[in-house]
Amino acid sequence: MLCAQPALSADPGAAPAQLSDAALRARSHAAACTSCHGPSGRAPAGSTIPPLAGRPQAELAAQMQAFKAGTRPATVMHQIAKGYSDDQIAAIAAWFAAVR
Protein backbone atom coordinates (compact mmCIF):
# COMPACT_ATOMS: atom_id res chain seq x y z
CA MET A 1 0.00 0.00 0.00
CA LEU A 2 1.37 3.36 -0.99
CA CYS A 3 0.34 6.59 0.65
CA ALA A 4 0.32 9.98 -0.97
CA GLN A 5 3.35 11.95 0.08
CA PRO A 6 3.83 15.66 0.36
CA ALA A 7 6.40 17.10 -2.01
CA LEU A 8 9.69 16.42 -0.31
CA SER A 9 12.15 18.48 -2.28
CA ALA A 10 13.28 18.69 -5.83
CA ASP A 11 16.82 18.37 -4.48
CA PRO A 12 17.44 15.75 -1.75
CA GLY A 13 20.90 17.28 -1.31
CA ALA A 14 19.49 20.70 -0.45
CA ALA A 15 20.59 22.47 2.71
CA PRO A 16 18.39 21.82 5.79
CA ALA A 17 17.01 25.38 5.76
CA GLN A 18 15.58 24.70 2.28
CA LEU A 19 13.79 21.47 3.21
CA SER A 20 10.31 21.06 4.67
CA ASP A 21 9.82 19.22 7.96
CA ALA A 22 8.56 16.18 6.02
CA ALA A 23 11.67 16.24 3.83
CA LEU A 24 13.95 16.51 6.86
CA ARG A 25 12.26 13.49 8.45
CA ALA A 26 12.51 11.52 5.21
CA ARG A 27 16.18 12.42 4.85
CA SER A 28 16.81 11.38 8.45
CA HIS A 29 15.18 7.98 7.90
CA ALA A 30 16.96 7.54 4.57
CA ALA A 31 20.34 8.33 6.15
CA ALA A 32 20.15 5.05 8.06
CA CYS A 33 20.13 3.21 4.72
CA THR A 34 23.37 4.75 3.48
CA SER A 35 25.67 2.78 5.77
CA CYS A 36 24.96 -0.31 3.63
CA HIS A 37 23.53 1.11 0.40
CA GLY A 38 26.21 3.78 0.00
CA PRO A 39 26.26 7.56 0.19
CA SER A 40 22.99 8.99 -1.12
CA GLY A 41 21.90 5.43 -1.92
CA ARG A 42 24.63 4.90 -4.50
CA ALA A 43 26.19 1.54 -3.66
CA PRO A 44 29.84 1.10 -4.61
CA ALA A 45 30.57 -0.64 -7.91
CA GLY A 46 30.64 -4.40 -7.50
CA SER A 47 28.63 -4.34 -4.27
CA THR A 48 26.13 -7.13 -3.68
CA ILE A 49 23.90 -4.57 -1.96
CA PRO A 50 21.70 -2.81 -4.54
CA PRO A 51 21.77 0.96 -5.07
CA LEU A 52 18.60 2.83 -4.10
CA ALA A 53 19.17 6.21 -5.76
CA GLY A 54 16.83 6.98 -8.62
CA ARG A 55 14.88 3.74 -8.49
CA PRO A 56 11.10 4.00 -8.87
CA GLN A 57 9.30 4.97 -5.67
CA ALA A 58 6.69 2.22 -6.04
CA GLU A 59 9.40 -0.42 -6.48
CA LEU A 60 11.35 0.74 -3.42
CA ALA A 61 8.23 0.89 -1.26
CA ALA A 62 7.06 -2.54 -2.45
CA GLN A 63 10.43 -4.11 -1.65
CA MET A 64 10.49 -2.53 1.83
CA GLN A 65 6.93 -3.73 2.46
CA ALA A 66 7.93 -7.24 1.34
CA PHE A 67 10.87 -7.21 3.76
CA LYS A 68 8.59 -5.92 6.51
CA ALA A 69 6.02 -8.67 5.83
CA GLY A 70 8.73 -11.33 5.68
CA THR A 71 7.80 -12.34 2.13
CA ARG A 72 11.17 -11.40 0.63
CA PRO A 73 14.22 -13.29 1.89
CA ALA A 74 16.90 -11.19 3.55
CA THR A 75 19.68 -11.33 6.07
CA VAL A 76 18.87 -8.15 8.01
CA MET A 77 16.42 -6.10 5.92
CA HIS A 78 13.36 -7.84 7.34
CA GLN A 79 14.34 -6.67 10.83
CA ILE A 80 15.20 -3.17 9.67
CA ALA A 81 11.98 -2.74 7.69
CA LYS A 82 9.85 -3.78 10.66
CA GLY A 83 11.13 -0.68 12.46
CA TYR A 84 9.44 1.68 10.01
CA SER A 85 5.78 2.64 9.69
CA ASP A 86 4.11 2.45 6.29
CA ASP A 87 4.29 6.25 6.04
CA GLN A 88 8.00 6.21 6.86
CA ILE A 89 8.62 3.54 4.22
CA ALA A 90 6.75 5.64 1.65
CA ALA A 91 8.81 8.71 2.60
CA ILE A 92 12.10 6.80 2.35
CA ALA A 93 11.07 5.43 -1.04
CA ALA A 94 10.14 8.91 -2.25
CA TRP A 95 13.45 10.29 -0.99
CA PHE A 96 15.63 7.76 -2.81
CA ALA A 97 13.48 7.93 -5.95
CA ALA A 98 14.19 11.68 -6.10
CA VAL A 99 17.97 11.25 -5.84
CA ARG A 100 19.60 11.77 -9.22
PDB file of N, CA and C in Angstrom:
ATOM      1  N   MET A   1       0.844  -1.174   0.000  1.00  0.00           N
ATOM      2  CA  MET A   1       0.000   0.000   0.000  1.00  0.00           C
ATOM      3  C   MET A   1       0.885   1.231   0.000  1.00  0.00           C
ATOM      4  N   LEU A   2       0.629   2.125  -0.925  1.00  0.00           N
ATOM      5  CA  LEU A   2       1.375   3.364  -0.991  1.00  0.00           C
ATOM      6  C   LEU A   2       0.481   4.498  -0.539  1.00  0.00           C
ATOM      7  N   CYS A   3       1.073   5.428   0.172  1.00  0.00           N
ATOM      8  CA  CYS A   3       0.336   6.586   0.650  1.00  0.00           C
ATOM      9  C   CYS A   3       0.805   7.810  -0.114  1.00  0.00           C
ATOM     10  N   ALA A   4      -0.074   8.740  -0.321  1.00  0.00           N
ATOM     11  CA  ALA A   4       0.321   9.984  -0.967  1.00  0.00           C
ATOM     12  C   ALA A   4       1.310  10.705  -0.071  1.00  0.00           C
ATOM     13  N   GLN A   5       2.322  11.255  -0.667  1.00  0.00           N
ATOM     14  CA  GLN A   5       3.349  11.948   0.085  1.00  0.00           C
ATOM     15  C   GLN A   5       3.358  13.417  -0.283  1.00  0.00           C
ATOM     16  N   PRO A   6       3.655  14.262   0.694  1.00  0.00           N
ATOM     17  CA  PRO A   6       3.833  15.661   0.359  1.00  0.00           C
ATOM     18  C   PRO A   6       5.094  15.812  -0.480  1.00  0.00           C
ATOM     19  N   ALA A   7       5.180  16.869  -1.240  1.00  0.00           N
ATOM     20  CA  ALA A   7       6.403  17.104  -2.011  1.00  0.00           C
ATOM     21  C   ALA A   7       7.554  17.218  -1.032  1.00  0.00           C
ATOM     22  N   LEU A   8       8.566  16.412  -1.234  1.00  0.00           N
ATOM     23  CA  LEU A   8       9.688  16.420  -0.310  1.00  0.00           C
ATOM     24  C   LEU A   8      10.649  17.536  -0.667  1.00  0.00           C
ATOM     25  N   SER A   9      11.217  17.466  -1.820  1.00  0.00           N
ATOM     26  CA  SER A   9      12.146  18.483  -2.284  1.00  0.00           C
ATOM     27  C   SER A   9      12.582  18.080  -3.671  1.00  0.00           C
ATOM     28  N   ALA A  10      12.768  19.018  -4.513  1.00  0.00           N
ATOM     29  CA  ALA A  10      13.278  18.694  -5.834  1.00  0.00           C
ATOM     30  C   ALA A  10      14.741  18.279  -5.735  1.00  0.00           C
ATOM     31  N   ASP A  11      15.398  18.649  -4.653  1.00  0.00           N
ATOM     32  CA  ASP A  11      16.821  18.366  -4.483  1.00  0.00           C
ATOM     33  C   ASP A  11      17.071  17.742  -3.117  1.00  0.00           C
ATOM     34  N   PRO A  12      17.179  16.394  -3.040  1.00  0.00           N
ATOM     35  CA  PRO A  12      17.441  15.754  -1.754  1.00  0.00           C
ATOM     36  C   PRO A  12      18.744  16.200  -1.109  1.00  0.00           C
ATOM     37  N   GLY A  13      19.652  16.800  -1.871  1.00  0.00           N
ATOM     38  CA  GLY A  13      20.905  17.279  -1.311  1.00  0.00           C
ATOM     39  C   GLY A  13      20.832  18.723  -0.838  1.00  0.00           C
ATOM     40  N   ALA A  14      19.647  19.302  -0.850  1.00  0.00           N
ATOM     41  CA  ALA A  14      19.485  20.697  -0.452  1.00  0.00           C
ATOM     42  C   ALA A  14      19.867  20.902   1.008  1.00  0.00           C
ATOM     43  N   ALA A  15      20.244  22.122   1.329  1.00  0.00           N
ATOM     44  CA  ALA A  15      20.594  22.469   2.707  1.00  0.00           C
ATOM     45  C   ALA A  15      19.358  22.348   3.588  1.00  0.00           C
ATOM     46  N   PRO A  16      19.539  22.005   4.884  1.00  0.00           N
ATOM     47  CA  PRO A  16      18.394  21.820   5.786  1.00  0.00           C
ATOM     48  C   PRO A  16      17.424  22.990   5.815  1.00  0.00           C
ATOM     49  N   ALA A  17      17.901  24.218   5.714  1.00  0.00           N
ATOM     50  CA  ALA A  17      17.010  25.380   5.758  1.00  0.00           C
ATOM     51  C   ALA A  17      16.061  25.407   4.564  1.00  0.00           C
ATOM     52  N   GLN A  18      16.403  24.704   3.488  1.00  0.00           N
ATOM     53  CA  GLN A  18      15.584  24.704   2.282  1.00  0.00           C
ATOM     54  C   GLN A  18      14.579  23.560   2.258  1.00  0.00           C
ATOM     55  N   LEU A  19      14.646  22.650   3.215  1.00  0.00           N
ATOM     56  CA  LEU A  19      13.789  21.469   3.210  1.00  0.00           C
ATOM     57  C   LEU A  19      12.611  21.640   4.157  1.00  0.00           C
ATOM     58  N   SER A  20      11.477  21.059   3.794  1.00  0.00           N
ATOM     59  CA  SER A  20      10.309  21.062   4.669  1.00  0.00           C
ATOM     60  C   SER A  20      10.545  20.096   5.823  1.00  0.00           C
ATOM     61  N   ASP A  21       9.710  20.166   6.841  1.00  0.00           N
ATOM     62  CA  ASP A  21       9.819  19.222   7.960  1.00  0.00           C
ATOM     63  C   ASP A  21       9.683  17.784   7.476  1.00  0.00           C
ATOM     64  N   ALA A  22       8.753  17.536   6.545  1.00  0.00           N
ATOM     65  CA  ALA A  22       8.565  16.176   6.020  1.00  0.00           C
ATOM     66  C   ALA A  22       9.822  15.708   5.303  1.00  0.00           C
ATOM     67  N   ALA A  23      10.447  16.603   4.549  1.00  0.00           N
ATOM     68  CA  ALA A  23      11.671  16.235   3.832  1.00  0.00           C
ATOM     69  C   ALA A  23      12.810  15.965   4.801  1.00  0.00           C
ATOM     70  N   LEU A  24      12.901  16.748   5.859  1.00  0.00           N
ATOM     71  CA  LEU A  24      13.950  16.514   6.857  1.00  0.00           C
ATOM     72  C   LEU A  24      13.766  15.163   7.535  1.00  0.00           C
ATOM     73  N   ARG A  25      12.521  14.805   7.847  1.00  0.00           N
ATOM     74  CA  ARG A  25      12.261  13.493   8.455  1.00  0.00           C
ATOM     75  C   ARG A  25      12.600  12.373   7.473  1.00  0.00           C
ATOM     76  N   ALA A  26      12.208  12.537   6.220  1.00  0.00           N
ATOM     77  CA  ALA A  26      12.509  11.516   5.209  1.00  0.00           C
ATOM     78  C   ALA A  26      14.011  11.361   5.046  1.00  0.00           C
ATOM     79  N   ARG A  27      14.727  12.481   4.994  1.00  0.00           N
ATOM     80  CA  ARG A  27      16.180  12.416   4.850  1.00  0.00           C
ATOM     81  C   ARG A  27      16.811  11.741   6.057  1.00  0.00           C
ATOM     82  N   SER A  28      16.294  12.011   7.233  1.00  0.00           N
ATOM     83  CA  SER A  28      16.812  11.380   8.446  1.00  0.00           C
ATOM     84  C   SER A  28      16.617   9.870   8.401  1.00  0.00           C
ATOM     85  N   HIS A  29      15.439   9.420   8.014  1.00  0.00           N
ATOM     86  CA  HIS A  29      15.183   7.977   7.901  1.00  0.00           C
ATOM     87  C   HIS A  29      16.056   7.367   6.809  1.00  0.00           C
ATOM     88  N   ALA A  30      16.179   8.057   5.687  1.00  0.00           N
ATOM     89  CA  ALA A  30      16.964   7.543   4.565  1.00  0.00           C
ATOM     90  C   ALA A  30      18.449   7.462   4.906  1.00  0.00           C
ATOM     91  N   ALA A  31      18.918   8.336   5.779  1.00  0.00           N
ATOM     92  CA  ALA A  31      20.338   8.329   6.152  1.00  0.00           C
ATOM     93  C   ALA A  31      20.749   6.995   6.762  1.00  0.00           C
ATOM     94  N   ALA A  32      19.835   6.346   7.454  1.00  0.00           N
ATOM     95  CA  ALA A  32      20.147   5.046   8.059  1.00  0.00           C
ATOM     96  C   ALA A  32      20.460   4.001   6.991  1.00  0.00           C
ATOM     97  N   CYS A  33      19.937   4.180   5.803  1.00  0.00           N
ATOM     98  CA  CYS A  33      20.135   3.211   4.717  1.00  0.00           C
ATOM     99  C   CYS A  33      21.520   3.319   4.090  1.00  0.00           C
ATOM    100  N   THR A  34      22.132   4.491   4.215  1.00  0.00           N
ATOM    101  CA  THR A  34      23.369   4.745   3.482  1.00  0.00           C
ATOM    102  C   THR A  34      24.574   3.995   4.027  1.00  0.00           C
ATOM    103  N   SER A  35      24.518   3.519   5.248  1.00  0.00           N
ATOM    104  CA  SER A  35      25.669   2.776   5.765  1.00  0.00           C
ATOM    105  C   SER A  35      25.885   1.483   4.983  1.00  0.00           C
ATOM    106  N   CYS A  36      24.829   0.903   4.452  1.00  0.00           N
ATOM    107  CA  CYS A  36      24.959  -0.314   3.635  1.00  0.00           C
ATOM    108  C   CYS A  36      24.798  -0.026   2.144  1.00  0.00           C
ATOM    109  N   HIS A  37      23.858   0.858   1.803  1.00  0.00           N
ATOM    110  CA  HIS A  37      23.526   1.108   0.397  1.00  0.00           C
ATOM    111  C   HIS A  37      24.358   2.217  -0.228  1.00  0.00           C
ATOM    112  N   GLY A  38      25.293   2.775   0.518  1.00  0.00           N
ATOM    113  CA  GLY A  38      26.209   3.776  -0.004  1.00  0.00           C
ATOM    114  C   GLY A  38      25.701   5.197   0.155  1.00  0.00           C
ATOM    115  N   PRO A  39      26.637   6.154   0.064  1.00  0.00           N
ATOM    116  CA  PRO A  39      26.265   7.565   0.190  1.00  0.00           C
ATOM    117  C   PRO A  39      25.161   7.932  -0.802  1.00  0.00           C
ATOM    118  N   SER A  40      24.149   8.580  -0.314  1.00  0.00           N
ATOM    119  CA  SER A  40      22.993   8.985  -1.125  1.00  0.00           C
ATOM    120  C   SER A  40      22.335   7.810  -1.837  1.00  0.00           C
ATOM    121  N   GLY A  41      22.533   6.600  -1.314  1.00  0.00           N
ATOM    122  CA  GLY A  41      21.904   5.429  -1.917  1.00  0.00           C
ATOM    123  C   GLY A  41      22.613   4.914  -3.147  1.00  0.00           C
ATOM    124  N   ARG A  42      23.833   5.339  -3.345  1.00  0.00           N
ATOM    125  CA  ARG A  42      24.630   4.895  -4.500  1.00  0.00           C
ATOM    126  C   ARG A  42      25.650   3.870  -4.019  1.00  0.00           C
ATOM    127  N   ALA A  43      25.305   2.613  -4.122  1.00  0.00           N
ATOM    128  CA  ALA A  43      26.186   1.539  -3.662  1.00  0.00           C
ATOM    129  C   ALA A  43      27.465   1.527  -4.494  1.00  0.00           C
ATOM    130  N   PRO A  44      28.578   1.168  -3.854  1.00  0.00           N
ATOM    131  CA  PRO A  44      29.842   1.100  -4.607  1.00  0.00           C
ATOM    132  C   PRO A  44      29.762   0.070  -5.733  1.00  0.00           C
ATOM    133  N   ALA A  45      30.518   0.308  -6.781  1.00  0.00           N
ATOM    134  CA  ALA A  45      30.573  -0.635  -7.906  1.00  0.00           C
ATOM    135  C   ALA A  45      30.985  -2.008  -7.404  1.00  0.00           C
ATOM    136  N   GLY A  46      30.322  -3.026  -7.885  1.00  0.00           N
ATOM    137  CA  GLY A  46      30.640  -4.397  -7.503  1.00  0.00           C
ATOM    138  C   GLY A  46      30.013  -4.849  -6.200  1.00  0.00           C
ATOM    139  N   SER A  47      29.271  -3.984  -5.539  1.00  0.00           N
ATOM    140  CA  SER A  47      28.630  -4.337  -4.274  1.00  0.00           C
ATOM    141  C   SER A  47      27.477  -5.309  -4.518  1.00  0.00           C
ATOM    142  N   THR A  48      27.285  -6.228  -3.593  1.00  0.00           N
ATOM    143  CA  THR A  48      26.134  -7.132  -3.681  1.00  0.00           C
ATOM    144  C   THR A  48      24.874  -6.464  -3.144  1.00  0.00           C
ATOM    145  N   ILE A  49      25.036  -5.332  -2.485  1.00  0.00           N
ATOM    146  CA  ILE A  49      23.896  -4.573  -1.960  1.00  0.00           C
ATOM    147  C   ILE A  49      23.445  -3.609  -3.055  1.00  0.00           C
ATOM    148  N   PRO A  50      22.160  -3.627  -3.403  1.00  0.00           N
ATOM    149  CA  PRO A  50      21.701  -2.809  -4.535  1.00  0.00           C
ATOM    150  C   PRO A  50      21.683  -1.312  -4.226  1.00  0.00           C
ATOM    151  N   PRO A  51      21.915  -0.489  -5.246  1.00  0.00           N
ATOM    152  CA  PRO A  51      21.772   0.955  -5.072  1.00  0.00           C
ATOM    153  C   PRO A  51      20.289   1.303  -4.957  1.00  0.00           C
ATOM    154  N   LEU A  52      19.988   2.382  -4.266  1.00  0.00           N
ATOM    155  CA  LEU A  52      18.604   2.830  -4.104  1.00  0.00           C
ATOM    156  C   LEU A  52      18.322   4.103  -4.891  1.00  0.00           C
ATOM    157  N   ALA A  53      19.330   4.908  -5.119  1.00  0.00           N
ATOM    158  CA  ALA A  53      19.170   6.215  -5.756  1.00  0.00           C
ATOM    159  C   ALA A  53      18.531   6.100  -7.132  1.00  0.00           C
ATOM    160  N   GLY A  54      17.469   6.889  -7.323  1.00  0.00           N
ATOM    161  CA  GLY A  54      16.831   6.985  -8.625  1.00  0.00           C
ATOM    162  C   GLY A  54      15.925   5.836  -9.015  1.00  0.00           C
ATOM    163  N   ARG A  55      15.781   4.849  -8.154  1.00  0.00           N
ATOM    164  CA  ARG A  55      14.884   3.736  -8.490  1.00  0.00           C
ATOM    165  C   ARG A  55      13.440   4.187  -8.288  1.00  0.00           C
ATOM    166  N   PRO A  56      12.501   3.576  -8.983  1.00  0.00           N
ATOM    167  CA  PRO A  56      11.099   3.999  -8.868  1.00  0.00           C
ATOM    168  C   PRO A  56      10.575   3.892  -7.432  1.00  0.00           C
ATOM    169  N   GLN A  57       9.850   4.920  -7.020  1.00  0.00           N
ATOM    170  CA  GLN A  57       9.305   4.974  -5.667  1.00  0.00           C
ATOM    171  C   GLN A  57       8.453   3.749  -5.361  1.00  0.00           C
ATOM    172  N   ALA A  58       7.582   3.365  -6.281  1.00  0.00           N
ATOM    173  CA  ALA A  58       6.692   2.223  -6.041  1.00  0.00           C
ATOM    174  C   ALA A  58       7.491   0.940  -5.843  1.00  0.00           C
ATOM    175  N   GLU A  59       8.553   0.772  -6.614  1.00  0.00           N
ATOM    176  CA  GLU A  59       9.401  -0.420  -6.480  1.00  0.00           C
ATOM    177  C   GLU A  59      10.091  -0.454  -5.117  1.00  0.00           C
ATOM    178  N   LEU A  60      10.668   0.681  -4.715  1.00  0.00           N
ATOM    179  CA  LEU A  60      11.354   0.737  -3.422  1.00  0.00           C
ATOM    180  C   LEU A  60      10.384   0.462  -2.272  1.00  0.00           C
ATOM    181  N   ALA A  61       9.217   1.086  -2.322  1.00  0.00           N
ATOM    182  CA  ALA A  61       8.226   0.891  -1.262  1.00  0.00           C
ATOM    183  C   ALA A  61       7.753  -0.562  -1.228  1.00  0.00           C
ATOM    184  N   ALA A  62       7.523  -1.146  -2.391  1.00  0.00           N
ATOM    185  CA  ALA A  62       7.062  -2.542  -2.447  1.00  0.00           C
ATOM    186  C   ALA A  62       8.110  -3.492  -1.869  1.00  0.00           C
ATOM    187  N   GLN A  63       9.377  -3.244  -2.181  1.00  0.00           N
ATOM    188  CA  GLN A  63      10.435  -4.105  -1.646  1.00  0.00           C
ATOM    189  C   GLN A  63      10.526  -3.976  -0.129  1.00  0.00           C
ATOM    190  N   MET A  64      10.449  -2.742   0.374  1.00  0.00           N
ATOM    191  CA  MET A  64      10.488  -2.534   1.830  1.00  0.00           C
ATOM    192  C   MET A  64       9.289  -3.200   2.505  1.00  0.00           C
ATOM    193  N   GLN A  65       8.118  -3.095   1.889  1.00  0.00           N
ATOM    194  CA  GLN A  65       6.928  -3.735   2.462  1.00  0.00           C
ATOM    195  C   GLN A  65       7.086  -5.252   2.455  1.00  0.00           C
ATOM    196  N   ALA A  66       7.698  -5.795   1.410  1.00  0.00           N
ATOM    197  CA  ALA A  66       7.929  -7.244   1.344  1.00  0.00           C
ATOM    198  C   ALA A  66       8.909  -7.684   2.429  1.00  0.00           C
ATOM    199  N   PHE A  67       9.951  -6.893   2.662  1.00  0.00           N
ATOM    200  CA  PHE A  67      10.873  -7.206   3.761  1.00  0.00           C
ATOM    201  C   PHE A  67      10.127  -7.156   5.090  1.00  0.00           C
ATOM    202  N   LYS A  68       9.330  -6.109   5.266  1.00  0.00           N
ATOM    203  CA  LYS A  68       8.587  -5.922   6.514  1.00  0.00           C
ATOM    204  C   LYS A  68       7.628  -7.085   6.770  1.00  0.00           C
ATOM    205  N   ALA A  69       6.983  -7.566   5.714  1.00  0.00           N
ATOM    206  CA  ALA A  69       6.022  -8.670   5.834  1.00  0.00           C
ATOM    207  C   ALA A  69       6.704 -10.031   5.928  1.00  0.00           C
ATOM    208  N   GLY A  70       8.005 -10.061   5.636  1.00  0.00           N
ATOM    209  CA  GLY A  70       8.729 -11.330   5.676  1.00  0.00           C
ATOM    210  C   GLY A  70       8.541 -12.175   4.433  1.00  0.00           C
ATOM    211  N   THR A  71       8.039 -11.577   3.361  1.00  0.00           N
ATOM    212  CA  THR A  71       7.803 -12.336   2.128  1.00  0.00           C
ATOM    213  C   THR A  71       8.970 -12.272   1.156  1.00  0.00           C
ATOM    214  N   ARG A  72       9.955 -11.443   1.443  1.00  0.00           N
ATOM    215  CA  ARG A  72      11.169 -11.402   0.628  1.00  0.00           C
ATOM    216  C   ARG A  72      12.333 -11.825   1.514  1.00  0.00           C
ATOM    217  N   PRO A  73      13.096 -12.825   1.085  1.00  0.00           N
ATOM    218  CA  PRO A  73      14.224 -13.294   1.890  1.00  0.00           C
ATOM    219  C   PRO A  73      15.271 -12.190   2.080  1.00  0.00           C
ATOM    220  N   ALA A  74      15.874 -12.186   3.248  1.00  0.00           N
ATOM    221  CA  ALA A  74      16.898 -11.188   3.551  1.00  0.00           C
ATOM    222  C   ALA A  74      17.717 -11.644   4.744  1.00  0.00           C
ATOM    223  N   THR A  75      18.877 -11.050   4.882  1.00  0.00           N
ATOM    224  CA  THR A  75      19.682 -11.332   6.071  1.00  0.00           C
ATOM    225  C   THR A  75      19.281 -10.404   7.210  1.00  0.00           C
ATOM    226  N   VAL A  76      19.232  -9.099   6.949  1.00  0.00           N
ATOM    227  CA  VAL A  76      18.869  -8.153   8.006  1.00  0.00           C
ATOM    228  C   VAL A  76      17.726  -7.212   7.630  1.00  0.00           C
ATOM    229  N   MET A  77      17.421  -7.087   6.341  1.00  0.00           N
ATOM    230  CA  MET A  77      16.421  -6.104   5.923  1.00  0.00           C
ATOM    231  C   MET A  77      15.044  -6.353   6.519  1.00  0.00           C
ATOM    232  N   HIS A  78      14.683  -7.592   6.755  1.00  0.00           N
ATOM    233  CA  HIS A  78      13.359  -7.840   7.338  1.00  0.00           C
ATOM    234  C   HIS A  78      13.268  -7.242   8.742  1.00  0.00           C
ATOM    235  N   GLN A  79      14.349  -7.270   9.486  1.00  0.00           N
ATOM    236  CA  GLN A  79      14.341  -6.673  10.826  1.00  0.00           C
ATOM    237  C   GLN A  79      14.351  -5.148  10.746  1.00  0.00           C
ATOM    238  N   ILE A  80      15.131  -4.620   9.831  1.00  0.00           N
ATOM    239  CA  ILE A  80      15.205  -3.167   9.670  1.00  0.00           C
ATOM    240  C   ILE A  80      13.854  -2.616   9.230  1.00  0.00           C
ATOM    241  N   ALA A  81      13.243  -3.234   8.238  1.00  0.00           N
ATOM    242  CA  ALA A  81      11.978  -2.737   7.690  1.00  0.00           C
ATOM    243  C   ALA A  81      10.855  -2.757   8.722  1.00  0.00           C
ATOM    244  N   LYS A  82      10.888  -3.716   9.625  1.00  0.00           N
ATOM    245  CA  LYS A  82       9.848  -3.783  10.661  1.00  0.00           C
ATOM    246  C   LYS A  82       9.885  -2.576  11.586  1.00  0.00           C
ATOM    247  N   GLY A  83      11.004  -1.859  11.607  1.00  0.00           N
ATOM    248  CA  GLY A  83      11.130  -0.681  12.461  1.00  0.00           C
ATOM    249  C   GLY A  83      10.518   0.579  11.883  1.00  0.00           C
ATOM    250  N   TYR A  84      10.016   0.505  10.662  1.00  0.00           N
ATOM    251  CA  TYR A  84       9.444   1.679  10.008  1.00  0.00           C
ATOM    252  C   TYR A  84       7.941   1.523   9.829  1.00  0.00           C
ATOM    253  N   SER A  85       7.221   2.628   9.988  1.00  0.00           N
ATOM    254  CA  SER A  85       5.785   2.638   9.693  1.00  0.00           C
ATOM    255  C   SER A  85       5.609   2.653   8.173  1.00  0.00           C
ATOM    256  N   ASP A  86       4.395   2.395   7.725  1.00  0.00           N
ATOM    257  CA  ASP A  86       4.108   2.446   6.289  1.00  0.00           C
ATOM    258  C   ASP A  86       4.379   3.842   5.728  1.00  0.00           C
ATOM    259  N   ASP A  87       4.032   4.881   6.491  1.00  0.00           N
ATOM    260  CA  ASP A  87       4.289   6.250   6.044  1.00  0.00           C
ATOM    261  C   ASP A  87       5.784   6.533   5.951  1.00  0.00           C
ATOM    262  N   GLN A  88       6.555   6.021   6.902  1.00  0.00           N
ATOM    263  CA  GLN A  88       8.005   6.209   6.858  1.00  0.00           C
ATOM    264  C   GLN A  88       8.611   5.481   5.661  1.00  0.00           C
ATOM    265  N   ILE A  89       8.139   4.285   5.387  1.00  0.00           N
ATOM    266  CA  ILE A  89       8.622   3.540   4.218  1.00  0.00           C
ATOM    267  C   ILE A  89       8.315   4.317   2.940  1.00  0.00           C
ATOM    268  N   ALA A  90       7.115   4.856   2.835  1.00  0.00           N
ATOM    269  CA  ALA A  90       6.746   5.640   1.651  1.00  0.00           C
ATOM    270  C   ALA A  90       7.639   6.872   1.517  1.00  0.00           C
ATOM    271  N   ALA A  91       7.952   7.521   2.638  1.00  0.00           N
ATOM    272  CA  ALA A  91       8.807   8.710   2.602  1.00  0.00           C
ATOM    273  C   ALA A  91      10.236   8.353   2.200  1.00  0.00           C
ATOM    274  N   ILE A  92      10.754   7.255   2.721  1.00  0.00           N
ATOM    275  CA  ILE A  92      12.101   6.801   2.354  1.00  0.00           C
ATOM    276  C   ILE A  92      12.145   6.476   0.862  1.00  0.00           C
ATOM    277  N   ALA A  93      11.135   5.781   0.382  1.00  0.00           N
ATOM    278  CA  ALA A  93      11.074   5.426  -1.043  1.00  0.00           C
ATOM    279  C   ALA A  93      11.023   6.682  -1.909  1.00  0.00           C
ATOM    280  N   ALA A  94      10.228   7.656  -1.499  1.00  0.00           N
ATOM    281  CA  ALA A  94      10.139   8.913  -2.250  1.00  0.00           C
ATOM    282  C   ALA A  94      11.482   9.635  -2.245  1.00  0.00           C
ATOM    283  N   TRP A  95      12.153   9.608  -1.108  1.00  0.00           N
ATOM    284  CA  TRP A  95      13.449  10.289  -0.994  1.00  0.00           C
ATOM    285  C   TRP A  95      14.458   9.699  -1.986  1.00  0.00           C
ATOM    286  N   PHE A  96      14.639   8.382  -1.933  1.00  0.00           N
ATOM    287  CA  PHE A  96      15.629   7.764  -2.814  1.00  0.00           C
ATOM    288  C   PHE A  96      15.223   7.839  -4.280  1.00  0.00           C
ATOM    289  N   ALA A  97      13.928   7.800  -4.563  1.00  0.00           N
ATOM    290  CA  ALA A  97      13.476   7.927  -5.951  1.00  0.00           C
ATOM    291  C   ALA A  97      13.834   9.299  -6.516  1.00  0.00           C
ATOM    292  N   ALA A  98      13.882  10.315  -5.659  1.00  0.00           N
ATOM    293  CA  ALA A  98      14.187  11.679  -6.097  1.00  0.00           C
ATOM    294  C   ALA A  98      15.681  11.937  -6.261  1.00  0.00           C
ATOM    295  N   VAL A  99      16.521  11.061  -5.734  1.00  0.00           N
ATOM    296  CA  VAL A  99      17.970  11.253  -5.837  1.00  0.00           C
ATOM    297  C   VAL A  99      18.407  10.986  -7.269  1.00  0.00           C
ATOM    298  N   ARG A 100      19.104  11.920  -7.844  1.00  0.00           N
ATOM    299  CA  ARG A 100      19.597  11.773  -9.223  1.00  0.00           C
ATOM    300  C   ARG A 100      21.097  11.824  -9.253  1.00  0.00           C
TER     301      ARG A 100
END
